Amino acid sequence: MHPAPSTRDQLSMIDSLNALPFPEREEKRTEDDIWSGPGYHVAVLTESRDFWEERGEEIVEEAEREIEAAFDALAAILTGRWGEPETVDLSPYLGVDSHDPGLGPESDLVVPEPMGFLCGLAGSMRVWRPTPAGRWLALAVGQADPEWPIQLLAGFGEASSLPDRPT
């Protein structure tokens, strides 16, 4: 479990990742819970306790409220910086794999990162398009499994990996 970082600490992490170039190959910085690769970064900004030992409804609801409050505080600041976010549904990316026989042999559909990572944890993400241009930032709340911590995640991706805003 991570210590609960302040909103200022979370913004500092976001600003650092926004300035950080995307690496040429996959990297994981375990000490910071940051995953990076060609065209993306993903970071755990904060997380709840895990639920291996105890998963009572009250305990889970409290953890959800704490993570949602952190999400809302951060989203308000990011909206002040970069305008209203768009909500992106991640469910279309679930189970999509370029080797999926249901897609047919001619399919070249590949889920770009960080959507491939995030769709395994969250149902949707809020997206801003910060400066510098050429990338987007997403916030998502997700959980890998009911026993695992609930996480507030930040993801950065290349602008080309996300469809344009609806017109």
Protein backbone atom coordinates (compact mmCIF):
# COMPACT_ATOMS: atom_id res chain seq x y z
CA MET A 1 0.00 0.00 0.00
CA HIS A 2 1.25 3.43 -0.91
CA PRO A 3 1.24 6.26 1.57
CA ALA A 4 -1.56 8.64 0.60
CA PRO A 5 0.21 11.31 -1.46
CA SER A 6 -1.16 14.82 -1.49
CA THR A 7 -2.82 16.33 -4.53
CA ARG A 8 0.34 18.43 -4.91
CA ASP A 9 2.45 15.24 -5.03
CA GLN A 10 0.09 13.72 -7.61
CA LEU A 11 0.29 16.87 -9.76
CA SER A 12 4.07 16.78 -9.51
CA MET A 13 4.04 13.18 -10.79
CA ILE A 14 1.72 14.16 -13.65
CA ASP A 15 3.92 17.13 -14.59
CA SER A 16 7.04 14.92 -14.49
CA LEU A 17 5.45 12.30 -16.73
CA ASN A 18 4.14 14.97 -19.10
CA ALA A 19 7.69 16.27 -19.58
CA LEU A 20 9.25 12.79 -19.80
CA PRO A 21 9.89 11.44 -23.29
CA PHE A 22 8.38 8.08 -24.14
CA PRO A 23 11.04 5.35 -24.06
CA GLU A 24 11.92 3.17 -27.03
CA ARG A 25 11.21 -0.06 -25.11
CA GLU A 26 9.11 -1.26 -22.16
CA GLU A 27 10.25 -0.11 -18.71
CA LYS A 28 8.87 -0.56 -15.19
CA ARG A 29 10.03 1.55 -12.28
CA THR A 30 8.84 -0.57 -9.38
CA GLU A 31 9.73 1.97 -6.70
CA ASP A 32 7.37 4.52 -8.31
CA ASP A 33 4.77 2.15 -9.82
CA ILE A 34 5.38 3.60 -13.28
CA TRP A 35 5.17 1.63 -16.51
CA SER A 36 6.44 3.16 -19.74
CA GLY A 37 6.94 2.07 -23.27
CA PRO A 38 6.87 3.32 -26.82
CA GLY A 39 4.18 6.00 -26.84
CA TYR A 40 2.94 5.76 -23.25
CA HIS A 41 3.42 6.14 -19.49
CA VAL A 42 1.14 4.80 -16.74
CA ALA A 43 1.52 5.61 -13.04
CA VAL A 44 -0.32 4.65 -9.87
CA LEU A 45 -0.95 8.00 -8.18
CA THR A 46 -2.51 6.51 -5.04
CA GLU A 47 -4.20 3.31 -3.99
CA SER A 48 -6.33 1.92 -1.21
CA ARG A 49 -5.41 -0.96 1.02
CA ASP A 50 -5.88 -4.43 -0.41
CA PHE A 51 -8.84 -6.60 0.50
CA TRP A 52 -7.21 -10.03 0.91
CA GLU A 53 -7.95 -10.32 4.62
CA GLU A 54 -11.14 -8.33 4.86
CA ARG A 55 -13.57 -7.26 2.16
CA GLY A 56 -16.62 -6.02 4.03
CA GLU A 57 -18.95 -3.73 2.12
CA GLU A 58 -18.29 -0.83 4.49
CA ILE A 59 -14.50 -1.17 4.11
CA VAL A 60 -14.68 -1.26 0.32
CA GLU A 61 -17.08 1.70 0.17
CA GLU A 62 -14.77 3.79 2.35
CA ALA A 63 -11.82 2.97 0.11
CA GLU A 64 -13.87 3.83 -2.98
CA ARG A 65 -14.88 7.18 -1.47
CA GLU A 66 -11.25 8.05 -0.66
CA ILE A 67 -10.01 7.22 -4.15
CA GLU A 68 -12.95 9.02 -5.80
CA ALA A 69 -12.25 12.12 -3.66
CA ALA A 70 -8.61 12.07 -4.79
CA PHE A 71 -9.78 11.64 -8.40
CA ASP A 72 -12.25 14.54 -8.14
CA ALA A 73 -9.69 16.90 -6.56
CA LEU A 74 -7.12 16.14 -9.23
CA ALA A 75 -9.66 16.29 -12.07
CA ALA A 76 -10.79 19.75 -10.95
CA ILE A 77 -7.23 21.08 -11.10
CA LEU A 78 -6.53 19.48 -14.48
CA THR A 79 -9.79 20.89 -15.85
CA GLY A 80 -8.69 24.34 -14.68
CA ARG A 81 -5.41 23.89 -16.54
CA TRP A 82 -6.56 22.23 -19.77
CA GLY A 83 -10.32 22.59 -20.02
CA GLU A 84 -13.15 20.09 -19.81
CA PRO A 85 -12.09 16.47 -20.26
CA GLU A 86 -13.71 13.94 -22.51
CA THR A 87 -14.78 10.57 -21.17
CA VAL A 88 -13.45 7.57 -23.07
CA ASP A 89 -15.16 4.21 -22.68
CA LEU A 90 -12.51 1.50 -22.35
CA SER A 91 -14.85 -1.47 -22.79
CA PRO A 92 -14.35 -1.67 -26.59
CA TYR A 93 -10.68 -2.44 -25.91
CA LEU A 94 -11.37 -5.38 -23.59
CA GLY A 95 -10.41 -8.70 -25.07
CA VAL A 96 -9.14 -7.16 -28.30
CA ASP A 97 -5.97 -8.84 -29.39
CA SER A 98 -4.35 -8.96 -32.78
CA HIS A 99 -4.32 -12.76 -32.42
CA ASP A 100 -8.04 -13.01 -31.65
CA PRO A 101 -9.42 -15.60 -34.10
CA GLY A 102 -12.81 -13.90 -33.96
CA LEU A 103 -11.30 -10.89 -35.70
CA GLY A 104 -10.18 -12.91 -38.70
CA PRO A 105 -6.68 -13.47 -40.04
CA GLU A 106 -6.58 -10.16 -41.91
CA SER A 107 -7.24 -8.14 -38.77
CA ASP A 108 -4.43 -5.85 -37.74
CA LEU A 109 -6.34 -4.39 -34.80
CA VAL A 110 -3.99 -3.79 -31.90
CA VAL A 111 -4.98 -1.96 -28.74
CA PRO A 112 -2.57 0.93 -28.26
CA GLU A 113 -1.04 1.54 -24.88
CA PRO A 114 -1.91 2.74 -22.37
CA MET A 115 -5.51 1.74 -23.24
CA GLY A 116 -4.51 -1.93 -23.29
CA PHE A 117 -3.22 -1.60 -19.75
CA LEU A 118 -6.04 0.59 -18.44
CA CYS A 119 -8.94 -1.41 -19.88
CA GLY A 120 -7.92 -4.34 -17.68
CA LEU A 121 -8.47 -2.17 -14.61
CA ALA A 122 -11.06 0.49 -15.41
CA GLY A 123 -14.24 0.87 -17.43
CA SER A 124 -13.59 4.44 -18.55
CA MET A 125 -11.08 7.25 -18.31
CA ARG A 126 -11.24 11.04 -18.40
CA VAL A 127 -8.92 12.54 -20.96
CA TRP A 128 -7.26 15.95 -21.25
CA ARG A 129 -4.94 17.08 -24.00
CA PRO A 130 -2.18 18.94 -22.17
CA THR A 131 0.64 20.94 -23.55
CA PRO A 132 2.99 20.07 -25.09
CA ALA A 133 0.76 18.96 -27.91
CA GLY A 134 1.15 15.48 -29.25
CA ARG A 135 0.00 13.56 -26.20
CA TRP A 136 -3.00 13.10 -23.96
CA LEU A 137 -3.43 12.51 -20.24
CA ALA A 138 -6.03 10.20 -18.72
CA LEU A 139 -7.17 9.67 -15.16
CA ALA A 140 -8.89 6.43 -14.28
CA VAL A 141 -9.97 4.59 -11.17
CA GLY A 142 -9.54 0.86 -11.39
CA GLN A 143 -9.02 -2.42 -9.63
CA ALA A 144 -7.36 -5.53 -11.04
CA ASP A 145 -9.35 -7.96 -8.89
CA PRO A 146 -11.74 -7.65 -5.91
CA GLU A 147 -8.96 -8.51 -3.45
CA TRP A 148 -6.51 -5.97 -4.88
CA PRO A 149 -6.28 -2.27 -4.02
CA ILE A 150 -8.43 0.31 -5.77
CA GLN A 151 -6.07 2.59 -7.70
CA LEU A 152 -6.05 6.11 -9.06
CA LEU A 153 -4.10 5.88 -12.30
CA ALA A 154 -2.64 8.45 -14.67
CA GLY A 155 -1.89 7.45 -18.24
CA PHE A 156 -0.17 9.39 -20.99
CA GLY A 157 -0.33 8.36 -24.62
CA GLU A 158 0.60 9.68 -28.02
CA ALA A 159 -2.13 11.80 -29.58
CA SER A 160 -2.35 9.36 -32.49
CA SER A 161 -3.35 6.50 -30.15
CA LEU A 162 -6.63 8.18 -29.21
CA PRO A 163 -9.36 9.06 -31.68
CA ASP A 164 -10.00 12.75 -32.22
CA ARG A 165 -12.60 14.48 -30.13
CA PRO A 166 -16.13 14.21 -31.41
CA THR A 167 -17.14 17.21 -33.48
